[in-house]
């Protein structure tokens, strides 16, 4: 459970960094941060679904 939570938090942090970079005008790094955030959140989601089927 802990690793899923950590991956989810890291994904949200990367997405927040993407928003901040996008607002500041650094669009190349913003795109990188969106990709990294998406990978972390996808990993957390697939692990959650695999380990906790049926809400357990």
PDB file of N, CA and C in Angstrom:
ATOM      1  N   UNK A   1       0.826  -1.192   0.000  1.00  0.00           N
ATOM      2  CA  UNK A   1       0.000   0.000   0.000  1.00  0.00           C
ATOM      3  C   UNK A   1       0.872   1.258   0.000  1.00  0.00           C
ATOM      4  N   UNK A   2       1.972   1.204   0.744  1.00  0.00           N
ATOM      5  CA  UNK A   2       2.799   2.391   0.880  1.00  0.00           C
ATOM      6  C   UNK A   2       3.427   2.807  -0.451  1.00  0.00           C
ATOM      7  N   UNK A   3       3.872   1.824  -1.245  1.00  0.00           N
ATOM      8  CA  UNK A   3       4.510   2.170  -2.512  1.00  0.00           C
ATOM      9  C   UNK A   3       3.518   2.774  -3.500  1.00  0.00           C
ATOM     10  N   UNK A   4       2.272   2.352  -3.429  1.00  0.00           N
ATOM     11  CA  UNK A   4       1.246   2.940  -4.301  1.00  0.00           C
ATOM     12  C   UNK A   4       1.005   4.395  -3.904  1.00  0.00           C
ATOM     13  N   UNK A   5       0.950   4.651  -2.628  1.00  0.00           N
ATOM     14  CA  UNK A   5       0.736   6.006  -2.128  1.00  0.00           C
ATOM     15  C   UNK A   5       1.908   6.911  -2.501  1.00  0.00           C
ATOM     16  N   UNK A   6       3.120   6.413  -2.359  1.00  0.00           N
ATOM     17  CA  UNK A   6       4.299   7.215  -2.687  1.00  0.00           C
ATOM     18  C   UNK A   6       4.336   7.524  -4.176  1.00  0.00           C
ATOM     19  N   UNK A   7       4.024   6.540  -5.019  1.00  0.00           N
ATOM     20  CA  UNK A   7       4.006   6.789  -6.462  1.00  0.00           C
ATOM     21  C   UNK A   7       2.943   7.811  -6.829  1.00  0.00           C
ATOM     22  N   UNK A   8       1.790   7.734  -6.195  1.00  0.00           N
ATOM     23  CA  UNK A   8       0.736   8.708  -6.464  1.00  0.00           C
ATOM     24  C   UNK A   8       1.131  10.111  -6.066  1.00  0.00           C
ATOM     25  N   UNK A   9       1.759  10.244  -4.919  1.00  0.00           N
ATOM     26  CA  UNK A   9       2.200  11.562  -4.460  1.00  0.00           C
ATOM     27  C   UNK A   9       3.284  12.114  -5.370  1.00  0.00           C
ATOM     28  N   UNK A  10       4.229  11.248  -5.767  1.00  0.00           N
ATOM     29  CA  UNK A  10       5.285  11.698  -6.677  1.00  0.00           C
ATOM     30  C   UNK A  10       4.703  12.137  -8.026  1.00  0.00           C
ATOM     31  N   UNK A  11       3.696  11.424  -8.501  1.00  0.00           N
ATOM     32  CA  UNK A  11       3.041  11.821  -9.741  1.00  0.00           C
ATOM     33  C   UNK A  11       2.391  13.186  -9.629  1.00  0.00           C
ATOM     34  N   UNK A  12       1.736  13.432  -8.514  1.00  0.00           N
ATOM     35  CA  UNK A  12       1.103  14.739  -8.315  1.00  0.00           C
ATOM     36  C   UNK A  12       2.135  15.850  -8.190  1.00  0.00           C
ATOM     37  N   UNK A  13       3.276  15.554  -7.570  1.00  0.00           N
ATOM     38  CA  UNK A  13       4.341  16.553  -7.459  1.00  0.00           C
ATOM     39  C   UNK A  13       4.890  16.901  -8.837  1.00  0.00           C
ATOM     40  N   UNK A  14       5.100  15.872  -9.689  1.00  0.00           N
ATOM     41  CA  UNK A  14       5.594  16.126 -11.040  1.00  0.00           C
ATOM     42  C   UNK A  14       4.586  16.951 -11.841  1.00  0.00           C
ATOM     43  N   UNK A  15       3.294  16.669 -11.672  1.00  0.00           N
ATOM     44  CA  UNK A  15       2.290  17.452 -12.397  1.00  0.00           C
ATOM     45  C   UNK A  15       2.231  18.893 -11.896  1.00  0.00           C
ATOM     46  N   UNK A  16       2.432  19.087 -10.597  1.00  0.00           N
ATOM     47  CA  UNK A  16       2.488  20.455 -10.064  1.00  0.00           C
ATOM     48  C   UNK A  16       3.701  21.196 -10.628  1.00  0.00           C
ATOM     49  N   UNK A  17       4.822  20.492 -10.743  1.00  0.00           N
ATOM     50  CA  UNK A  17       6.019  21.104 -11.339  1.00  0.00           C
ATOM     51  C   UNK A  17       5.773  21.454 -12.801  1.00  0.00           C
ATOM     52  N   UNK A  18       4.995  20.628 -13.501  1.00  0.00           N
ATOM     53  CA  UNK A  18       4.665  20.908 -14.897  1.00  0.00           C
ATOM     54  C   UNK A  18       3.833  22.179 -15.009  1.00  0.00           C
ATOM     55  N   UNK A  19       2.890  22.346 -14.108  1.00  0.00           N
ATOM     56  CA  UNK A  19       2.049  23.552 -14.128  1.00  0.00           C
ATOM     57  C   UNK A  19       2.892  24.791 -13.850  1.00  0.00           C
ATOM     58  N   UNK A  20       3.766  24.697 -12.873  1.00  0.00           N
ATOM     59  CA  UNK A  20       4.620  25.843 -12.537  1.00  0.00           C
ATOM     60  C   UNK A  20       5.551  26.176 -13.693  1.00  0.00           C
ATOM     61  N   UNK A  21       6.120  25.156 -14.325  1.00  0.00           N
ATOM     62  CA  UNK A  21       7.005  25.403 -15.466  1.00  0.00           C
ATOM     63  C   UNK A  21       6.231  25.981 -16.647  1.00  0.00           C
ATOM     64  N   UNK A  22       5.014  25.513 -16.849  1.00  0.00           N
ATOM     65  CA  UNK A  22       4.200  26.044 -17.935  1.00  0.00           C
ATOM     66  C   UNK A  22       3.844  27.498 -17.714  1.00  0.00           C
ATOM     67  N   UNK A  23       3.545  27.862 -16.490  1.00  0.00           N
ATOM     68  CA  UNK A  23       3.202  29.251 -16.180  1.00  0.00           C
ATOM     69  C   UNK A  23       4.420  30.153 -16.353  1.00  0.00           C
ATOM     70  N   UNK A  24       5.600  29.641 -15.983  1.00  0.00           N
ATOM     71  CA  UNK A  24       6.810  30.457 -16.103  1.00  0.00           C
ATOM     72  C   UNK A  24       7.329  30.530 -17.540  1.00  0.00           C
ATOM     73  N   UNK A  25       6.776  29.711 -18.450  1.00  0.00           N
ATOM     74  CA  UNK A  25       7.145  29.796 -19.851  1.00  0.00           C
ATOM     75  C   UNK A  25       8.151  28.768 -20.312  1.00  0.00           C
ATOM     76  N   UNK A  26       8.546  27.858 -19.453  1.00  0.00           N
ATOM     77  CA  UNK A  26       9.511  26.824 -19.821  1.00  0.00           C
ATOM     78  C   UNK A  26       8.739  25.592 -20.287  1.00  0.00           C
ATOM     79  N   UNK A  27       8.299  25.612 -21.546  1.00  0.00           N
ATOM     80  CA  UNK A  27       7.393  24.583 -22.048  1.00  0.00           C
ATOM     81  C   UNK A  27       8.080  23.249 -22.308  1.00  0.00           C
ATOM     82  N   UNK A  28       9.376  23.261 -22.597  1.00  0.00           N
ATOM     83  CA  UNK A  28      10.083  21.996 -22.813  1.00  0.00           C
ATOM     84  C   UNK A  28      10.127  21.180 -21.529  1.00  0.00           C
ATOM     85  N   UNK A  29      10.485  21.828 -20.441  1.00  0.00           N
ATOM     86  CA  UNK A  29      10.544  21.124 -19.158  1.00  0.00           C
ATOM     87  C   UNK A  29       9.135  20.768 -18.683  1.00  0.00           C
ATOM     88  N   UNK A  30       8.171  21.601 -18.999  1.00  0.00           N
ATOM     89  CA  UNK A  30       6.793  21.314 -18.628  1.00  0.00           C
ATOM     90  C   UNK A  30       6.315  20.026 -19.290  1.00  0.00           C
ATOM     91  N   UNK A  31       6.661  19.834 -20.556  1.00  0.00           N
ATOM     92  CA  UNK A  31       6.286  18.599 -21.251  1.00  0.00           C
ATOM     93  C   UNK A  31       6.956  17.386 -20.612  1.00  0.00           C
ATOM     94  N   UNK A  32       8.226  17.529 -20.240  1.00  0.00           N
ATOM     95  CA  UNK A  32       8.937  16.438 -19.570  1.00  0.00           C
ATOM     96  C   UNK A  32       8.272  16.093 -18.240  1.00  0.00           C
ATOM     97  N   UNK A  33       7.899  17.107 -17.477  1.00  0.00           N
ATOM     98  CA  UNK A  33       7.269  16.880 -16.178  1.00  0.00           C
ATOM     99  C   UNK A  33       5.896  16.224 -16.315  1.00  0.00           C
ATOM    100  N   UNK A  34       5.163  16.581 -17.362  1.00  0.00           N
ATOM    101  CA  UNK A  34       3.865  15.944 -17.598  1.00  0.00           C
ATOM    102  C   UNK A  34       4.056  14.461 -17.896  1.00  0.00           C
ATOM    103  N   UNK A  35       5.057  14.148 -18.711  1.00  0.00           N
ATOM    104  CA  UNK A  35       5.331  12.743 -19.023  1.00  0.00           C
ATOM    105  C   UNK A  35       5.730  11.982 -17.767  1.00  0.00           C
ATOM    106  N   UNK A  36       6.625  12.553 -16.969  1.00  0.00           N
ATOM    107  CA  UNK A  36       7.057  11.881 -15.740  1.00  0.00           C
ATOM    108  C   UNK A  36       5.892  11.703 -14.763  1.00  0.00           C
ATOM    109  N   UNK A  37       5.074  12.721 -14.605  1.00  0.00           N
ATOM    110  CA  UNK A  37       3.915  12.615 -13.732  1.00  0.00           C
ATOM    111  C   UNK A  37       2.941  11.561 -14.211  1.00  0.00           C
ATOM    112  N   UNK A  38       2.731  11.510 -15.517  1.00  0.00           N
ATOM    113  CA  UNK A  38       1.842  10.498 -16.077  1.00  0.00           C
ATOM    114  C   UNK A  38       2.357   9.089 -15.853  1.00  0.00           C
ATOM    115  N   UNK A  39       3.667   8.902 -15.990  1.00  0.00           N
ATOM    116  CA  UNK A  39       4.249   7.573 -15.775  1.00  0.00           C
ATOM    117  C   UNK A  39       4.087   7.143 -14.322  1.00  0.00           C
ATOM    118  N   UNK A  40       4.343   8.048 -13.397  1.00  0.00           N
ATOM    119  CA  UNK A  40       4.191   7.716 -11.984  1.00  0.00           C
ATOM    120  C   UNK A  40       2.732   7.398 -11.648  1.00  0.00           C
ATOM    121  N   UNK A  41       1.807   8.207 -12.148  1.00  0.00           N
ATOM    122  CA  UNK A  41       0.398   7.972 -11.840  1.00  0.00           C
ATOM    123  C   UNK A  41      -0.130   6.709 -12.513  1.00  0.00           C
ATOM    124  N   UNK A  42       0.327   6.428 -13.727  1.00  0.00           N
ATOM    125  CA  UNK A  42      -0.074   5.196 -14.409  1.00  0.00           C
ATOM    126  C   UNK A  42       0.438   3.975 -13.640  1.00  0.00           C
ATOM    127  N   UNK A  43       1.665   4.055 -13.174  1.00  0.00           N
ATOM    128  CA  UNK A  43       2.244   2.955 -12.410  1.00  0.00           C
ATOM    129  C   UNK A  43       1.473   2.731 -11.112  1.00  0.00           C
ATOM    130  N   UNK A  44       1.132   3.808 -10.434  1.00  0.00           N
ATOM    131  CA  UNK A  44       0.374   3.683  -9.189  1.00  0.00           C
ATOM    132  C   UNK A  44      -1.010   3.101  -9.444  1.00  0.00           C
ATOM    133  N   UNK A  45      -1.648   3.529 -10.523  1.00  0.00           N
ATOM    134  CA  UNK A  45      -3.001   3.059 -10.839  1.00  0.00           C
ATOM    135  C   UNK A  45      -3.002   1.578 -11.192  1.00  0.00           C
ATOM    136  N   UNK A  46      -2.060   1.143 -12.024  1.00  0.00           N
ATOM    137  CA  UNK A  46      -2.028  -0.275 -12.408  1.00  0.00           C
ATOM    138  C   UNK A  46      -1.674  -1.163 -11.229  1.00  0.00           C
ATOM    139  N   UNK A  47      -0.780  -0.703 -10.370  1.00  0.00           N
ATOM    140  CA  UNK A  47      -0.437  -1.486  -9.176  1.00  0.00           C
ATOM    141  C   UNK A  47      -1.627  -1.569  -8.235  1.00  0.00           C
ATOM    142  N   UNK A  48      -2.352  -0.466  -8.087  1.00  0.00           N
ATOM    143  CA  UNK A  48      -3.529  -0.446  -7.225  1.00  0.00           C
ATOM    144  C   UNK A  48      -4.575  -1.444  -7.730  1.00  0.00           C
ATOM    145  N   UNK A  49      -4.830  -1.425  -9.027  1.00  0.00           N
ATOM    146  CA  UNK A  49      -5.827  -2.324  -9.598  1.00  0.00           C
ATOM    147  C   UNK A  49      -5.399  -3.777  -9.497  1.00  0.00           C
ATOM    148  N   UNK A  50      -4.117  -4.042  -9.654  1.00  0.00           N
ATOM    149  CA  UNK A  50      -3.623  -5.415  -9.612  1.00  0.00           C
ATOM    150  C   UNK A  50      -3.640  -5.971  -8.185  1.00  0.00           C
ATOM    151  N   UNK A  51      -3.228  -5.162  -7.223  1.00  0.00           N
ATOM    152  CA  UNK A  51      -3.102  -5.631  -5.845  1.00  0.00           C
ATOM    153  C   UNK A  51      -4.410  -5.583  -5.060  1.00  0.00           C
ATOM    154  N   UNK A  52      -5.283  -4.663  -5.384  1.00  0.00           N
ATOM    155  CA  UNK A  52      -6.475  -4.435  -4.574  1.00  0.00           C
ATOM    156  C   UNK A  52      -7.746  -4.594  -5.406  1.00  0.00           C
ATOM    157  N   UNK A  53      -7.932  -5.758  -5.986  1.00  0.00           N
ATOM    158  CA  UNK A  53      -9.131  -6.031  -6.781  1.00  0.00           C
ATOM    159  C   UNK A  53     -10.361  -6.034  -5.877  1.00  0.00           C
ATOM    160  N   UNK A  54     -11.415  -5.451  -6.354  1.00  0.00           N
ATOM    161  CA  UNK A  54     -12.668  -5.462  -5.610  1.00  0.00           C
ATOM    162  C   UNK A  54     -12.679  -4.565  -4.397  1.00  0.00           C
ATOM    163  N   UNK A  55     -11.759  -3.595  -4.305  1.00  0.00           N
ATOM    164  CA  UNK A  55     -11.753  -2.654  -3.195  1.00  0.00           C
ATOM    165  C   UNK A  55     -11.124  -3.189  -1.934  1.00  0.00           C
ATOM    166  N   UNK A  56     -10.438  -4.295  -2.001  1.00  0.00           N
ATOM    167  CA  UNK A  56      -9.787  -4.836  -0.795  1.00  0.00           C
ATOM    168  C   UNK A  56      -8.428  -4.251  -0.594  1.00  0.00           C
TER     169      UNK A  56
END
